[in-house]
Amino acid sequence: MTTTRTDTAEALIRTAFDDAGVQGFFFAREIDGDRTIGLAADEPVCLASVFKIPVALAYAREAAAGRLGRTERHAVEPRYRDGGIGTSGCADPIEMSLRDLVHMMMTMSDNAATDVVLDRVGLDTVNDMLAELGRKRTHLVGGCLALTGSLFADLGVSTEVEAHKKMAALAAQGPEKILELSVCVPERTTRGTARDIAELLATIWRDEAGPAEACAEVRAVMGQQIWPHRLSSGFGDSQLIAGKTGTLPGWRNEAGVVEDPDGGRWAVAVFTRSDRPDLRNPGADRVIGQVAALAVDAFRSTALHR
C-alpha cells in the first residue's frame, strides 16, 4: 500500500492532538479543488462562538435581499450585557448600526452584539439557511444569553443574580461536573461538525452560500478577527487568515480560511476537547494552528506532485 502525503499529515495531526492532551475534531479542504483531510470530522462538537459564522452569513443574506438594513440602529440593552468584552463589558447605554454589531460579533466575539444581531435576523432564519445549504448536522439552540442561561440553570443559579455570584457558583463545581453541563455537551447545545463548518466556509469563499455581495461581506469581516493565538499561530505574515474562534469549558475551537500569496485557498475547522475546564490552555490553543499548518502543507505538497 502506498502512503500518501495526506495519510502522513493525518498521522501527524493525530500525534499533535495527543501531544497537546486534547481530543481533536478536524476537517480541512481545498476551496478550489476536491482534496480533503479529516479526523473525527463527522463527530458532533460544541461550536461555542464558531456559531457566529452562520449568524453573520444569515445577516448578510438578509441584508443583500433588502429584508434588513445594514445601518439600522439597535440598542444593546443591559439584559444582553453580563461581563465579557466589547459591548458586553460596557456599563453605559450603547446603540450601534447592525453592521457594526456584526463587526463586533466577528472580530472580538462580542456576545451582546451577537444576541442583538441574532434577535434581528431570527434563530429560525439561521437554522433554515443551514439546512438549505446542506449543513444538516449544524444546529443553533439560541444565542449567547441562552447558552450561558442553560449553564447557570444546570447549576441552579438564577440569571438575575450578580455576575460574581454566578462565577462563584461555577468555580465551586469540580472539573467533571463543569464538563457535564449542557453547554459543554454537543448533543444538548448548539452543535455542528468539523466537516460541516469547513464546507460552509468553502461555499462562502466560492460565493455559493448566498449572493456574492453577502459572501464578500462575511469574508471581509472574518478577515478582521483580532485573535492571533490559535489558527493564525501556524502561519506567517505572508498568508491571509480569516477565522472565528470559539471557547467553552473544555472546548477550544477555530474555523477559518488560509490563503497563500499564490492563490491557494483552504478551509479549516479545528475543534479540541479537554478533560479539564481550564481558563488557560496554551497547548490546546497552539495545536489548532499546528494541525492547520500540517494540513495546508500537505495540500501544497500534493499540488506540486500531481
C-alpha atoms as a PDB file:
ATOM      1  CA  MET A   1       0.000   0.000   0.000  1.00  0.00           C
ATOM      2  CA  THR A   2       1.347   3.424  -0.939  1.00  0.00           C
ATOM      3  CA  THR A   3       1.427   6.055   1.794  1.00  0.00           C
ATOM      4  CA  THR A   4       0.234   9.436   0.531  1.00  0.00           C
ATOM      5  CA  ARG A   5       1.120  12.864   1.861  1.00  0.00           C
ATOM      6  CA  THR A   6      -2.392  13.251   3.245  1.00  0.00           C
ATOM      7  CA  ASP A   7      -2.041   9.914   5.079  1.00  0.00           C
ATOM      8  CA  THR A   8       1.182  11.205   6.636  1.00  0.00           C
ATOM      9  CA  ALA A   9      -0.478  14.505   7.533  1.00  0.00           C
ATOM     10  CA  GLU A  10      -3.368  12.710   9.237  1.00  0.00           C
ATOM     11  CA  ALA A  11      -0.916  10.703  11.363  1.00  0.00           C
ATOM     12  CA  LEU A  12       0.990  13.858  12.308  1.00  0.00           C
ATOM     13  CA  ILE A  13      -2.263  15.640  13.139  1.00  0.00           C
ATOM     14  CA  ARG A  14      -3.366  12.785  15.368  1.00  0.00           C
ATOM     15  CA  THR A  15       0.004  12.902  17.163  1.00  0.00           C
ATOM     16  CA  ALA A  16      -0.230  16.675  17.591  1.00  0.00           C
ATOM     17  CA  PHE A  17      -3.613  16.375  19.293  1.00  0.00           C
ATOM     18  CA  ASP A  18      -2.296  13.587  21.522  1.00  0.00           C
ATOM     19  CA  ASP A  19       0.764  15.624  22.484  1.00  0.00           C
ATOM     20  CA  ALA A  20      -1.465  18.580  23.372  1.00  0.00           C
ATOM     21  CA  GLY A  21      -3.556  16.340  25.615  1.00  0.00           C
ATOM     22  CA  VAL A  22      -6.819  17.003  23.785  1.00  0.00           C
ATOM     23  CA  GLN A  23      -9.336  15.133  21.705  1.00  0.00           C
ATOM     24  CA  GLY A  24      -9.285  16.600  18.210  1.00  0.00           C
ATOM     25  CA  PHE A  25     -12.032  17.018  15.624  1.00  0.00           C
ATOM     26  CA  PHE A  26     -10.669  18.324  12.361  1.00  0.00           C
ATOM     27  CA  PHE A  27     -11.509  18.859   8.711  1.00  0.00           C
ATOM     28  CA  ALA A  28      -9.702  20.796   6.006  1.00  0.00           C
ATOM     29  CA  ARG A  29     -10.425  21.072   2.317  1.00  0.00           C
ATOM     30  CA  GLU A  30      -9.243  22.853  -0.775  1.00  0.00           C
ATOM     31  CA  ILE A  31     -11.612  25.643  -1.690  1.00  0.00           C
ATOM     32  CA  ASP A  32     -10.763  25.416  -5.383  1.00  0.00           C
ATOM     33  CA  GLY A  33     -10.395  21.638  -5.540  1.00  0.00           C
ATOM     34  CA  ASP A  34     -11.690  18.400  -4.069  1.00  0.00           C
ATOM     35  CA  ARG A  35      -8.929  17.206  -1.730  1.00  0.00           C
ATOM     36  CA  THR A  36      -9.700  16.909   1.967  1.00  0.00           C
ATOM     37  CA  ILE A  37      -8.072  15.821   5.230  1.00  0.00           C
ATOM     38  CA  GLY A  38     -10.083  14.926   8.307  1.00  0.00           C
ATOM     39  CA  LEU A  39     -10.022  13.383  11.754  1.00  0.00           C
ATOM     40  CA  ALA A  40     -13.285  12.662  13.595  1.00  0.00           C
ATOM     41  CA  ALA A  41     -14.699  15.146  11.110  1.00  0.00           C
ATOM     42  CA  ASP A  42     -18.306  13.957  11.415  1.00  0.00           C
ATOM     43  CA  GLU A  43     -18.435  13.658  15.195  1.00  0.00           C
ATOM     44  CA  PRO A  44     -20.661  16.252  16.924  1.00  0.00           C
ATOM     45  CA  VAL A  45     -18.835  19.159  18.554  1.00  0.00           C
ATOM     46  CA  CYS A  46     -19.785  22.163  20.653  1.00  0.00           C
ATOM     47  CA  LEU A  47     -19.468  25.105  18.305  1.00  0.00           C
ATOM     48  CA  ALA A  48     -19.134  27.717  21.062  1.00  0.00           C
ATOM     49  CA  SER A  49     -18.661  31.086  19.323  1.00  0.00           C
ATOM     50  CA  VAL A  50     -17.955  29.446  15.973  1.00  0.00           C
ATOM     51  CA  PHE A  51     -21.772  29.554  15.643  1.00  0.00           C
ATOM     52  CA  LYS A  52     -21.363  33.266  14.914  1.00  0.00           C
ATOM     53  CA  ILE A  53     -20.221  32.396  11.369  1.00  0.00           C
ATOM     54  CA  PRO A  54     -23.683  31.215  10.258  1.00  0.00           C
ATOM     55  CA  VAL A  55     -25.260  34.128  12.136  1.00  0.00           C
ATOM     56  CA  ALA A  56     -23.076  36.537  10.159  1.00  0.00           C
ATOM     57  CA  LEU A  57     -23.928  34.768   6.899  1.00  0.00           C
ATOM     58  CA  ALA A  58     -27.671  34.867   7.613  1.00  0.00           C
ATOM     59  CA  TYR A  59     -27.417  38.600   8.412  1.00  0.00           C
ATOM     60  CA  ALA A  60     -25.507  39.264   5.176  1.00  0.00           C
ATOM     61  CA  ARG A  61     -28.014  37.296   3.098  1.00  0.00           C
ATOM     62  CA  GLU A  62     -30.925  39.167   4.665  1.00  0.00           C
ATOM     63  CA  ALA A  63     -29.181  42.496   4.040  1.00  0.00           C
ATOM     64  CA  ALA A  64     -28.445  41.610   0.412  1.00  0.00           C
ATOM     65  CA  ALA A  65     -32.122  40.692  -0.050  1.00  0.00           C
ATOM     66  CA  GLY A  66     -33.254  44.021   1.420  1.00  0.00           C
ATOM     67  CA  ARG A  67     -35.055  42.394   4.358  1.00  0.00           C
ATOM     68  CA  LEU A  68     -32.986  44.346   6.861  1.00  0.00           C
ATOM     69  CA  GLY A  69     -30.806  47.433   6.711  1.00  0.00           C
ATOM     70  CA  ARG A  70     -27.111  47.404   7.472  1.00  0.00           C
ATOM     71  CA  THR A  71     -27.307  50.880   9.017  1.00  0.00           C
ATOM     72  CA  GLU A  72     -30.297  50.154  11.250  1.00  0.00           C
ATOM     73  CA  ARG A  73     -29.613  51.413  14.752  1.00  0.00           C
ATOM     74  CA  HIS A  74     -30.077  48.972  17.608  1.00  0.00           C
ATOM     75  CA  ALA A  75     -29.672  49.409  21.346  1.00  0.00           C
ATOM     76  CA  VAL A  76     -27.557  46.861  23.175  1.00  0.00           C
ATOM     77  CA  GLU A  77     -29.831  46.527  26.162  1.00  0.00           C
ATOM     78  CA  PRO A  78     -28.464  45.792  29.648  1.00  0.00           C
ATOM     79  CA  ARG A  79     -30.129  42.348  29.620  1.00  0.00           C
ATOM     80  CA  TYR A  80     -27.617  41.252  26.983  1.00  0.00           C
ATOM     81  CA  ARG A  81     -24.574  42.530  28.876  1.00  0.00           C
ATOM     82  CA  ASP A  82     -23.255  40.370  31.700  1.00  0.00           C
ATOM     83  CA  GLY A  83     -19.500  40.815  31.661  1.00  0.00           C
ATOM     84  CA  GLY A  84     -17.368  39.913  28.679  1.00  0.00           C
ATOM     85  CA  ILE A  85     -15.646  42.037  26.080  1.00  0.00           C
ATOM     86  CA  GLY A  86     -16.671  44.745  23.663  1.00  0.00           C
ATOM     87  CA  THR A  87     -20.221  45.955  24.195  1.00  0.00           C
ATOM     88  CA  SER A  88     -20.740  43.011  26.563  1.00  0.00           C
ATOM     89  CA  GLY A  89     -18.496  44.687  29.104  1.00  0.00           C
ATOM     90  CA  CYS A  90     -19.765  48.251  28.764  1.00  0.00           C
ATOM     91  CA  ALA A  91     -21.514  49.917  31.691  1.00  0.00           C
ATOM     92  CA  ASP A  92     -23.335  52.697  29.842  1.00  0.00           C
ATOM     93  CA  PRO A  93     -26.096  52.712  27.196  1.00  0.00           C
ATOM     94  CA  ILE A  94     -24.957  51.656  23.735  1.00  0.00           C
ATOM     95  CA  GLU A  95     -26.519  51.984  20.304  1.00  0.00           C
ATOM     96  CA  MET A  96     -24.836  50.817  17.102  1.00  0.00           C
ATOM     97  CA  SER A  97     -25.641  50.066  13.492  1.00  0.00           C
ATOM     98  CA  LEU A  98     -26.413  46.468  12.649  1.00  0.00           C
ATOM     99  CA  ARG A  99     -23.285  46.073  10.532  1.00  0.00           C
ATOM    100  CA  ASP A 100     -21.114  47.468  13.316  1.00  0.00           C
ATOM    101  CA  LEU A 101     -22.677  44.984  15.722  1.00  0.00           C
ATOM    102  CA  VAL A 102     -21.752  42.217  13.259  1.00  0.00           C
ATOM    103  CA  HIS A 103     -18.224  43.639  13.173  1.00  0.00           C
ATOM    104  CA  MET A 104     -18.024  43.429  16.986  1.00  0.00           C
ATOM    105  CA  MET A 105     -19.510  39.927  16.944  1.00  0.00           C
ATOM    106  CA  MET A 106     -16.966  38.562  14.486  1.00  0.00           C
ATOM    107  CA  THR A 107     -13.773  40.472  15.222  1.00  0.00           C
ATOM    108  CA  MET A 108     -13.704  40.232  19.020  1.00  0.00           C
ATOM    109  CA  SER A 109     -16.518  37.703  19.592  1.00  0.00           C
ATOM    110  CA  ASP A 110     -18.785  40.194  21.371  1.00  0.00           C
ATOM    111  CA  ASN A 111     -21.616  38.174  22.915  1.00  0.00           C
ATOM    112  CA  ALA A 112     -24.046  41.041  23.497  1.00  0.00           C
ATOM    113  CA  ALA A 113     -23.666  42.226  19.919  1.00  0.00           C
ATOM    114  CA  THR A 114     -24.276  38.666  18.761  1.00  0.00           C
ATOM    115  CA  ASP A 115     -27.589  38.417  20.563  1.00  0.00           C
ATOM    116  CA  VAL A 116     -28.837  41.713  19.144  1.00  0.00           C
ATOM    117  CA  VAL A 117     -27.946  40.551  15.621  1.00  0.00           C
ATOM    118  CA  LEU A 118     -29.484  37.111  16.143  1.00  0.00           C
ATOM    119  CA  ASP A 119     -32.700  38.608  17.536  1.00  0.00           C
ATOM    120  CA  ARG A 120     -32.962  40.799  14.426  1.00  0.00           C
ATOM    121  CA  VAL A 121     -32.170  38.021  11.951  1.00  0.00           C
ATOM    122  CA  GLY A 122     -34.107  35.267  13.724  1.00  0.00           C
ATOM    123  CA  LEU A 123     -32.952  31.900  15.016  1.00  0.00           C
ATOM    124  CA  ASP A 124     -35.189  30.030  12.582  1.00  0.00           C
ATOM    125  CA  THR A 125     -33.727  32.004   9.687  1.00  0.00           C
ATOM    126  CA  VAL A 126     -30.231  30.812  10.615  1.00  0.00           C
ATOM    127  CA  ASN A 127     -31.226  27.175  11.072  1.00  0.00           C
ATOM    128  CA  ASP A 128     -33.315  27.158   7.876  1.00  0.00           C
ATOM    129  CA  MET A 129     -30.356  28.603   5.972  1.00  0.00           C
ATOM    130  CA  LEU A 130     -28.042  25.881   7.312  1.00  0.00           C
ATOM    131  CA  ALA A 131     -30.485  23.180   6.193  1.00  0.00           C
ATOM    132  CA  GLU A 132     -30.827  24.805   2.777  1.00  0.00           C
ATOM    133  CA  LEU A 133     -27.054  24.780   2.368  1.00  0.00           C
ATOM    134  CA  GLY A 134     -26.829  21.106   3.293  1.00  0.00           C
ATOM    135  CA  ARG A 135     -25.278  21.682   6.706  1.00  0.00           C
ATOM    136  CA  LYS A 136     -27.852  19.494   8.414  1.00  0.00           C
ATOM    137  CA  ARG A 137     -25.621  18.429  11.300  1.00  0.00           C
ATOM    138  CA  THR A 138     -25.196  22.024  12.446  1.00  0.00           C
ATOM    139  CA  HIS A 139     -27.949  23.466  14.614  1.00  0.00           C
ATOM    140  CA  LEU A 140     -28.269  26.504  16.878  1.00  0.00           C
ATOM    141  CA  VAL A 141     -30.376  26.295  20.043  1.00  0.00           C
ATOM    142  CA  GLY A 142     -30.116  30.002  20.824  1.00  0.00           C
ATOM    143  CA  GLY A 143     -27.784  32.934  21.243  1.00  0.00           C
ATOM    144  CA  CYS A 144     -25.116  33.622  23.832  1.00  0.00           C
ATOM    145  CA  LEU A 145     -27.618  34.579  26.518  1.00  0.00           C
ATOM    146  CA  ALA A 146     -29.437  31.275  26.021  1.00  0.00           C
ATOM    147  CA  LEU A 147     -26.192  29.313  26.219  1.00  0.00           C
ATOM    148  CA  THR A 148     -24.981  30.981  29.400  1.00  0.00           C
ATOM    149  CA  GLY A 149     -28.516  30.757  30.790  1.00  0.00           C
ATOM    150  CA  SER A 150     -28.518  26.982  30.317  1.00  0.00           C
ATOM    151  CA  LEU A 151     -25.161  26.784  32.076  1.00  0.00           C
ATOM    152  CA  PHE A 152     -26.396  28.538  35.207  1.00  0.00           C
ATOM    153  CA  ALA A 153     -29.763  26.770  35.080  1.00  0.00           C
ATOM    154  CA  ASP A 154     -27.868  23.481  35.313  1.00  0.00           C
ATOM    155  CA  LEU A 155     -26.189  24.870  38.420  1.00  0.00           C
ATOM    156  CA  GLY A 156     -29.491  26.025  39.907  1.00  0.00           C
ATOM    157  CA  VAL A 157     -28.397  29.674  39.812  1.00  0.00           C
ATOM    158  CA  SER A 158     -30.820  32.388  38.740  1.00  0.00           C
ATOM    159  CA  THR A 159     -29.759  34.507  35.776  1.00  0.00           C
ATOM    160  CA  GLU A 160     -30.846  37.537  37.824  1.00  0.00           C
ATOM    161  CA  VAL A 161     -28.053  37.270  40.406  1.00  0.00           C
ATOM    162  CA  GLU A 162     -24.876  39.290  40.135  1.00  0.00           C
ATOM    163  CA  ALA A 163     -22.150  38.105  37.760  1.00  0.00           C
ATOM    164  CA  HIS A 164     -19.645  37.464  40.563  1.00  0.00           C
ATOM    165  CA  LYS A 165     -22.108  35.126  42.304  1.00  0.00           C
ATOM    166  CA  LYS A 166     -22.640  33.188  39.087  1.00  0.00           C
ATOM    167  CA  MET A 167     -18.908  32.782  38.625  1.00  0.00           C
ATOM    168  CA  ALA A 168     -18.514  31.721  42.246  1.00  0.00           C
ATOM    169  CA  ALA A 169     -21.159  29.032  41.734  1.00  0.00           C
ATOM    170  CA  LEU A 170     -19.319  27.810  38.648  1.00  0.00           C
ATOM    171  CA  ALA A 171     -15.947  27.816  40.387  1.00  0.00           C
ATOM    172  CA  ALA A 172     -17.396  25.733  43.230  1.00  0.00           C
ATOM    173  CA  GLN A 173     -18.033  22.829  40.861  1.00  0.00           C
ATOM    174  CA  GLY A 174     -15.451  20.149  40.227  1.00  0.00           C
ATOM    175  CA  PRO A 175     -13.987  19.768  36.719  1.00  0.00           C
ATOM    176  CA  GLU A 176     -16.100  16.706  35.950  1.00  0.00           C
ATOM    177  CA  LYS A 177     -19.320  18.499  36.907  1.00  0.00           C
ATOM    178  CA  ILE A 178     -18.492  21.508  34.752  1.00  0.00           C
ATOM    179  CA  LEU A 179     -17.791  19.357  31.712  1.00  0.00           C
ATOM    180  CA  GLU A 180     -21.178  17.669  32.147  1.00  0.00           C
ATOM    181  CA  LEU A 181     -23.104  20.957  31.908  1.00  0.00           C
ATOM    182  CA  SER A 182     -25.474  21.117  28.927  1.00  0.00           C
ATOM    183  CA  VAL A 183     -23.494  23.881  27.251  1.00  0.00           C
ATOM    184  CA  CYS A 184     -20.438  21.602  27.105  1.00  0.00           C
ATOM    185  CA  VAL A 185     -22.198  18.530  25.659  1.00  0.00           C
ATOM    186  CA  PRO A 186     -22.722  18.667  21.867  1.00  0.00           C
ATOM    187  CA  GLU A 187     -25.970  16.691  21.867  1.00  0.00           C
ATOM    188  CA  ARG A 188     -27.516  19.172  24.325  1.00  0.00           C
ATOM    189  CA  THR A 189     -26.432  22.538  22.936  1.00  0.00           C
ATOM    190  CA  THR A 190     -25.506  24.458  19.782  1.00  0.00           C
ATOM    191  CA  ARG A 191     -23.533  21.970  17.742  1.00  0.00           C
ATOM    192  CA  GLY A 192     -22.038  21.058  14.409  1.00  0.00           C
ATOM    193  CA  THR A 193     -19.211  19.029  12.917  1.00  0.00           C
ATOM    194  CA  ALA A 194     -15.777  19.979  11.654  1.00  0.00           C
ATOM    195  CA  ARG A 195     -16.783  18.899   8.147  1.00  0.00           C
ATOM    196  CA  ASP A 196     -19.983  20.952   8.181  1.00  0.00           C
ATOM    197  CA  ILE A 197     -18.214  24.132   9.241  1.00  0.00           C
ATOM    198  CA  ALA A 198     -15.295  23.812   6.811  1.00  0.00           C
ATOM    199  CA  GLU A 199     -17.678  23.034   3.955  1.00  0.00           C
ATOM    200  CA  LEU A 200     -19.774  26.062   4.897  1.00  0.00           C
ATOM    201  CA  LEU A 201     -16.671  28.251   4.752  1.00  0.00           C
ATOM    202  CA  ALA A 202     -15.717  26.845   1.352  1.00  0.00           C
ATOM    203  CA  THR A 203     -19.123  27.782  -0.045  1.00  0.00           C
ATOM    204  CA  ILE A 204     -18.799  31.303   1.380  1.00  0.00           C
ATOM    205  CA  TRP A 205     -15.390  31.711  -0.282  1.00  0.00           C
ATOM    206  CA  ARG A 206     -16.765  30.393  -3.604  1.00  0.00           C
ATOM    207  CA  ASP A 207     -19.809  32.721  -3.479  1.00  0.00           C
ATOM    208  CA  GLU A 208     -22.115  29.696  -3.256  1.00  0.00           C
ATOM    209  CA  ALA A 209     -23.606  30.298   0.200  1.00  0.00           C
ATOM    210  CA  GLY A 210     -25.730  33.214  -0.938  1.00  0.00           C
ATOM    211  CA  PRO A 211     -25.473  36.297  -3.122  1.00  0.00           C
ATOM    212  CA  ALA A 212     -21.873  37.247  -3.955  1.00  0.00           C
ATOM    213  CA  GLU A 213     -22.419  40.505  -2.075  1.00  0.00           C
ATOM    214  CA  ALA A 214     -23.339  38.620   1.098  1.00  0.00           C
ATOM    215  CA  CYS A 215     -20.448  36.164   0.851  1.00  0.00           C
ATOM    216  CA  ALA A 216     -17.987  39.019   0.307  1.00  0.00           C
ATOM    217  CA  GLU A 217     -19.292  40.799   3.407  1.00  0.00           C
ATOM    218  CA  VAL A 218     -18.730  37.714   5.562  1.00  0.00           C
ATOM    219  CA  ARG A 219     -15.239  37.154   4.134  1.00  0.00           C
ATOM    220  CA  ALA A 220     -14.288  40.755   4.847  1.00  0.00           C
ATOM    221  CA  VAL A 221     -15.414  40.774   8.473  1.00  0.00           C
ATOM    222  CA  MET A 222     -13.849  37.370   9.205  1.00  0.00           C
ATOM    223  CA  GLY A 223     -10.555  38.718   7.883  1.00  0.00           C
ATOM    224  CA  GLN A 224     -10.574  41.369  10.638  1.00  0.00           C
ATOM    225  CA  GLN A 225     -10.631  38.976  13.624  1.00  0.00           C
ATOM    226  CA  ILE A 226      -8.196  40.159  16.269  1.00  0.00           C
ATOM    227  CA  TRP A 227      -7.168  36.857  17.903  1.00  0.00           C
ATOM    228  CA  PRO A 228      -3.753  35.539  16.734  1.00  0.00           C
ATOM    229  CA  HIS A 229      -3.216  32.677  19.214  1.00  0.00           C
ATOM    230  CA  ARG A 230      -4.986  29.749  17.513  1.00  0.00           C
ATOM    231  CA  LEU A 231      -5.340  29.299  13.751  1.00  0.00           C
ATOM    232  CA  SER A 232      -3.058  32.216  12.882  1.00  0.00           C
ATOM    233  CA  SER A 233      -0.268  30.885  15.102  1.00  0.00           C
ATOM    234  CA  GLY A 234       0.543  28.216  12.497  1.00  0.00           C
ATOM    235  CA  PHE A 235       1.291  30.684   9.700  1.00  0.00           C
ATOM    236  CA  GLY A 236       3.466  33.651   8.828  1.00  0.00           C
ATOM    237  CA  ASP A 237       2.629  37.148   7.689  1.00  0.00           C
ATOM    238  CA  SER A 238       2.536  36.152   4.015  1.00  0.00           C
ATOM    239  CA  GLN A 239      -0.694  34.175   4.497  1.00  0.00           C
ATOM    240  CA  LEU A 240      -4.092  35.801   4.837  1.00  0.00           C
ATOM    241  CA  ILE A 241      -6.122  34.320   7.677  1.00  0.00           C
ATOM    242  CA  ALA A 242      -9.858  34.807   8.174  1.00  0.00           C
ATOM    243  CA  GLY A 243     -11.296  32.987  11.156  1.00  0.00           C
ATOM    244  CA  LYS A 244     -13.646  32.718  14.092  1.00  0.00           C
ATOM    245  CA  THR A 245     -12.696  31.314  17.474  1.00  0.00           C
ATOM    246  CA  GLY A 246     -14.938  29.584  19.986  1.00  0.00           C
ATOM    247  CA  THR A 247     -14.370  28.773  23.663  1.00  0.00           C
ATOM    248  CA  LEU A 248     -16.324  26.938  26.345  1.00  0.00           C
ATOM    249  CA  PRO A 249     -15.190  24.962  29.397  1.00  0.00           C
ATOM    250  CA  GLY A 250     -13.163  22.103  27.955  1.00  0.00           C
ATOM    251  CA  TRP A 251     -13.550  23.345  24.356  1.00  0.00           C
ATOM    252  CA  ARG A 252     -11.169  25.460  22.270  1.00  0.00           C
ATOM    253  CA  ASN A 253     -12.023  25.883  18.602  1.00  0.00           C
ATOM    254  CA  GLU A 254     -11.345  27.882  15.499  1.00  0.00           C
ATOM    255  CA  ALA A 255     -12.602  27.675  11.939  1.00  0.00           C
ATOM    256  CA  GLY A 256     -11.304  29.773   9.099  1.00  0.00           C
ATOM    257  CA  VAL A 257      -9.669  30.101   5.723  1.00  0.00           C
ATOM    258  CA  VAL A 258      -5.972  30.254   4.902  1.00  0.00           C
ATOM    259  CA  GLU A 259      -4.919  31.964   1.661  1.00  0.00           C
ATOM    260  CA  ASP A 260      -1.439  31.871   0.136  1.00  0.00           C
ATOM    261  CA  PRO A 261       0.004  34.737  -1.888  1.00  0.00           C
ATOM    262  CA  ASP A 262      -0.002  32.492  -4.979  1.00  0.00           C
ATOM    263  CA  GLY A 263      -3.753  31.980  -4.719  1.00  0.00           C
ATOM    264  CA  GLY A 264      -4.065  28.688  -2.819  1.00  0.00           C
ATOM    265  CA  ARG A 265      -7.104  28.692  -0.530  1.00  0.00           C
ATOM    266  CA  TRP A 266      -8.040  26.179   2.172  1.00  0.00           C
ATOM    267  CA  ALA A 267     -10.960  25.979   4.599  1.00  0.00           C
ATOM    268  CA  VAL A 268     -10.037  24.573   8.003  1.00  0.00           C
ATOM    269  CA  ALA A 269     -12.122  23.727  11.074  1.00  0.00           C
ATOM    270  CA  VAL A 270     -10.423  22.588  14.289  1.00  0.00           C
ATOM    271  CA  PHE A 271     -12.254  21.690  17.493  1.00  0.00           C
ATOM    272  CA  THR A 272     -10.484  20.486  20.629  1.00  0.00           C
ATOM    273  CA  ARG A 273     -11.924  18.931  23.761  1.00  0.00           C
ATOM    274  CA  SER A 274     -10.003  18.707  27.012  1.00  0.00           C
ATOM    275  CA  ASP A 275     -10.768  16.714  30.142  1.00  0.00           C
ATOM    276  CA  ARG A 276     -10.249  19.849  32.228  1.00  0.00           C
ATOM    277  CA  PRO A 277     -12.197  23.150  32.013  1.00  0.00           C
ATOM    278  CA  ASP A 278      -9.090  25.332  32.438  1.00  0.00           C
ATOM    279  CA  LEU A 279      -9.449  29.014  31.594  1.00  0.00           C
ATOM    280  CA  ARG A 280      -5.969  28.934  30.064  1.00  0.00           C
ATOM    281  CA  ASN A 281      -4.684  26.051  27.970  1.00  0.00           C
ATOM    282  CA  PRO A 282      -1.913  27.297  25.661  1.00  0.00           C
ATOM    283  CA  GLY A 283      -1.203  23.788  24.372  1.00  0.00           C
ATOM    284  CA  ALA A 284      -4.781  23.440  23.113  1.00  0.00           C
ATOM    285  CA  ASP A 285      -4.653  26.941  21.604  1.00  0.00           C
ATOM    286  CA  ARG A 286      -1.363  26.224  19.863  1.00  0.00           C
ATOM    287  CA  VAL A 287      -2.327  22.845  18.401  1.00  0.00           C
ATOM    288  CA  ILE A 288      -5.104  24.486  16.376  1.00  0.00           C
ATOM    289  CA  GLY A 289      -2.508  26.373  14.342  1.00  0.00           C
ATOM    290  CA  GLN A 290      -0.212  23.355  14.233  1.00  0.00           C
ATOM    291  CA  VAL A 291      -2.737  20.972  12.692  1.00  0.00           C
ATOM    292  CA  ALA A 292      -3.992  23.617  10.269  1.00  0.00           C
ATOM    293  CA  ALA A 293      -0.418  24.163   9.064  1.00  0.00           C
ATOM    294  CA  LEU A 294       0.135  20.401   8.685  1.00  0.00           C
ATOM    295  CA  ALA A 295      -2.969  20.126   6.502  1.00  0.00           C
ATOM    296  CA  VAL A 296      -2.113  23.124   4.357  1.00  0.00           C
ATOM    297  CA  ASP A 297       1.473  21.887   3.888  1.00  0.00           C
ATOM    298  CA  ALA A 298       0.101  18.517   2.749  1.00  0.00           C
ATOM    299  CA  PHE A 299      -2.188  20.194   0.231  1.00  0.00           C
ATOM    300  CA  ARG A 300       0.683  22.318  -1.068  1.00  0.00           C
ATOM    301  CA  SER A 301       2.987  19.280  -1.433  1.00  0.00           C
ATOM    302  CA  THR A 302       0.330  17.260  -3.208  1.00  0.00           C
ATOM    303  CA  ALA A 303      -0.324  20.112  -5.620  1.00  0.00           C
ATOM    304  CA  LEU A 304       3.380  20.221  -6.517  1.00  0.00           C
ATOM    305  CA  HIS A 305       3.486  16.482  -7.257  1.00  0.00           C
ATOM    306  CA  ARG A 306       0.248  15.940  -9.136  1.00  0.00           C
END
